[in-house]
């Protein structure tokens, strides 16, 4: 999962021009459909770390049922 996240999310985000000042929004929909609670935690952890890279203004919207 970490390698996929790096290749599909982080690397493309690092290609965004540094002069881009508007926030970028990442949407994760239906996280509750993941049956593995540990995997859900890892996904949230990966996104949390990505949001704090500091170079870009990133926001995340995560949807899930209770």
C-alpha atoms as a PDB file:
ATOM      1  CA  UNK A   1       0.000   0.000   0.000  1.00  0.00           C
ATOM      2  CA  UNK A   2       2.812   2.414   0.852  1.00  0.00           C
ATOM      3  CA  UNK A   3       4.478   1.929  -2.537  1.00  0.00           C
ATOM      4  CA  UNK A   4       1.183   2.411  -4.375  1.00  0.00           C
ATOM      5  CA  UNK A   5       0.445   5.505  -2.321  1.00  0.00           C
ATOM      6  CA  UNK A   6       3.891   6.901  -3.105  1.00  0.00           C
ATOM      7  CA  UNK A   7       3.545   6.244  -6.851  1.00  0.00           C
ATOM      8  CA  UNK A   8      -0.106   7.250  -7.300  1.00  0.00           C
ATOM      9  CA  UNK A   9      -0.512  10.107  -4.811  1.00  0.00           C
ATOM     10  CA  UNK A  10       2.750  11.551  -3.500  1.00  0.00           C
ATOM     11  CA  UNK A  11       4.827  11.624  -6.699  1.00  0.00           C
ATOM     12  CA  UNK A  12       2.127  13.379  -8.767  1.00  0.00           C
ATOM     13  CA  UNK A  13       1.612  15.904  -5.962  1.00  0.00           C
ATOM     14  CA  UNK A  14       5.329  16.676  -5.929  1.00  0.00           C
ATOM     15  CA  UNK A  15       5.103  17.544  -9.632  1.00  0.00           C
ATOM     16  CA  UNK A  16       2.692  20.401  -8.933  1.00  0.00           C
ATOM     17  CA  UNK A  17       4.337  23.736  -9.623  1.00  0.00           C
ATOM     18  CA  UNK A  18       5.671  25.375  -6.444  1.00  0.00           C
ATOM     19  CA  UNK A  19       4.029  28.653  -7.420  1.00  0.00           C
ATOM     20  CA  UNK A  20       0.562  27.063  -7.222  1.00  0.00           C
ATOM     21  CA  UNK A  21      -0.925  28.684  -4.114  1.00  0.00           C
ATOM     22  CA  UNK A  22      -4.499  27.409  -3.984  1.00  0.00           C
ATOM     23  CA  UNK A  23      -5.187  24.416  -1.739  1.00  0.00           C
ATOM     24  CA  UNK A  24      -5.420  21.008  -3.389  1.00  0.00           C
ATOM     25  CA  UNK A  25      -8.222  18.755  -2.198  1.00  0.00           C
ATOM     26  CA  UNK A  26      -7.941  14.971  -2.054  1.00  0.00           C
ATOM     27  CA  UNK A  27     -11.206  13.044  -1.705  1.00  0.00           C
ATOM     28  CA  UNK A  28     -11.391   9.522  -0.282  1.00  0.00           C
ATOM     29  CA  UNK A  29     -14.924   8.220  -0.665  1.00  0.00           C
ATOM     30  CA  UNK A  30     -16.545   5.274   1.150  1.00  0.00           C
ATOM     31  CA  UNK A  31     -13.640   4.379   3.410  1.00  0.00           C
ATOM     32  CA  UNK A  32     -16.078   2.218   5.386  1.00  0.00           C
ATOM     33  CA  UNK A  33     -16.162  -0.253   2.505  1.00  0.00           C
ATOM     34  CA  UNK A  34     -12.649  -1.373   3.405  1.00  0.00           C
ATOM     35  CA  UNK A  35     -13.089  -4.501   5.559  1.00  0.00           C
ATOM     36  CA  UNK A  36      -9.649  -4.366   7.186  1.00  0.00           C
ATOM     37  CA  UNK A  37      -9.554  -1.887  10.097  1.00  0.00           C
ATOM     38  CA  UNK A  38      -5.750  -1.951  10.157  1.00  0.00           C
ATOM     39  CA  UNK A  39      -5.703  -0.989   6.483  1.00  0.00           C
ATOM     40  CA  UNK A  40      -8.133   1.865   7.131  1.00  0.00           C
ATOM     41  CA  UNK A  41      -5.798   3.126   9.846  1.00  0.00           C
ATOM     42  CA  UNK A  42      -2.812   2.896   7.515  1.00  0.00           C
ATOM     43  CA  UNK A  43      -4.626   4.805   4.773  1.00  0.00           C
ATOM     44  CA  UNK A  44      -5.528   7.591   7.192  1.00  0.00           C
ATOM     45  CA  UNK A  45      -1.967   7.653   8.524  1.00  0.00           C
ATOM     46  CA  UNK A  46      -0.492   7.919   5.023  1.00  0.00           C
ATOM     47  CA  UNK A  47      -2.787  10.811   4.154  1.00  0.00           C
ATOM     48  CA  UNK A  48      -2.083  12.554   7.449  1.00  0.00           C
ATOM     49  CA  UNK A  49       1.648  12.453   6.759  1.00  0.00           C
ATOM     50  CA  UNK A  50       1.098  13.654   3.190  1.00  0.00           C
ATOM     51  CA  UNK A  51      -0.963  16.627   4.367  1.00  0.00           C
ATOM     52  CA  UNK A  52       1.989  17.776   6.458  1.00  0.00           C
ATOM     53  CA  UNK A  53       4.611  17.815   3.679  1.00  0.00           C
ATOM     54  CA  UNK A  54       4.509  21.577   3.918  1.00  0.00           C
ATOM     55  CA  UNK A  55       5.371  22.324   0.317  1.00  0.00           C
ATOM     56  CA  UNK A  56       1.779  22.240  -0.871  1.00  0.00           C
ATOM     57  CA  UNK A  57      -1.453  23.342   0.706  1.00  0.00           C
ATOM     58  CA  UNK A  58      -3.326  20.039   0.861  1.00  0.00           C
ATOM     59  CA  UNK A  59      -6.737  19.256   2.287  1.00  0.00           C
ATOM     60  CA  UNK A  60      -8.470  15.887   2.537  1.00  0.00           C
ATOM     61  CA  UNK A  61     -12.144  14.983   2.566  1.00  0.00           C
ATOM     62  CA  UNK A  62     -12.792  11.451   3.792  1.00  0.00           C
ATOM     63  CA  UNK A  63     -16.281   9.983   3.714  1.00  0.00           C
ATOM     64  CA  UNK A  64     -17.441   6.950   5.662  1.00  0.00           C
ATOM     65  CA  UNK A  65     -20.531   5.580   7.297  1.00  0.00           C
ATOM     66  CA  UNK A  66     -20.478   5.168  11.079  1.00  0.00           C
END
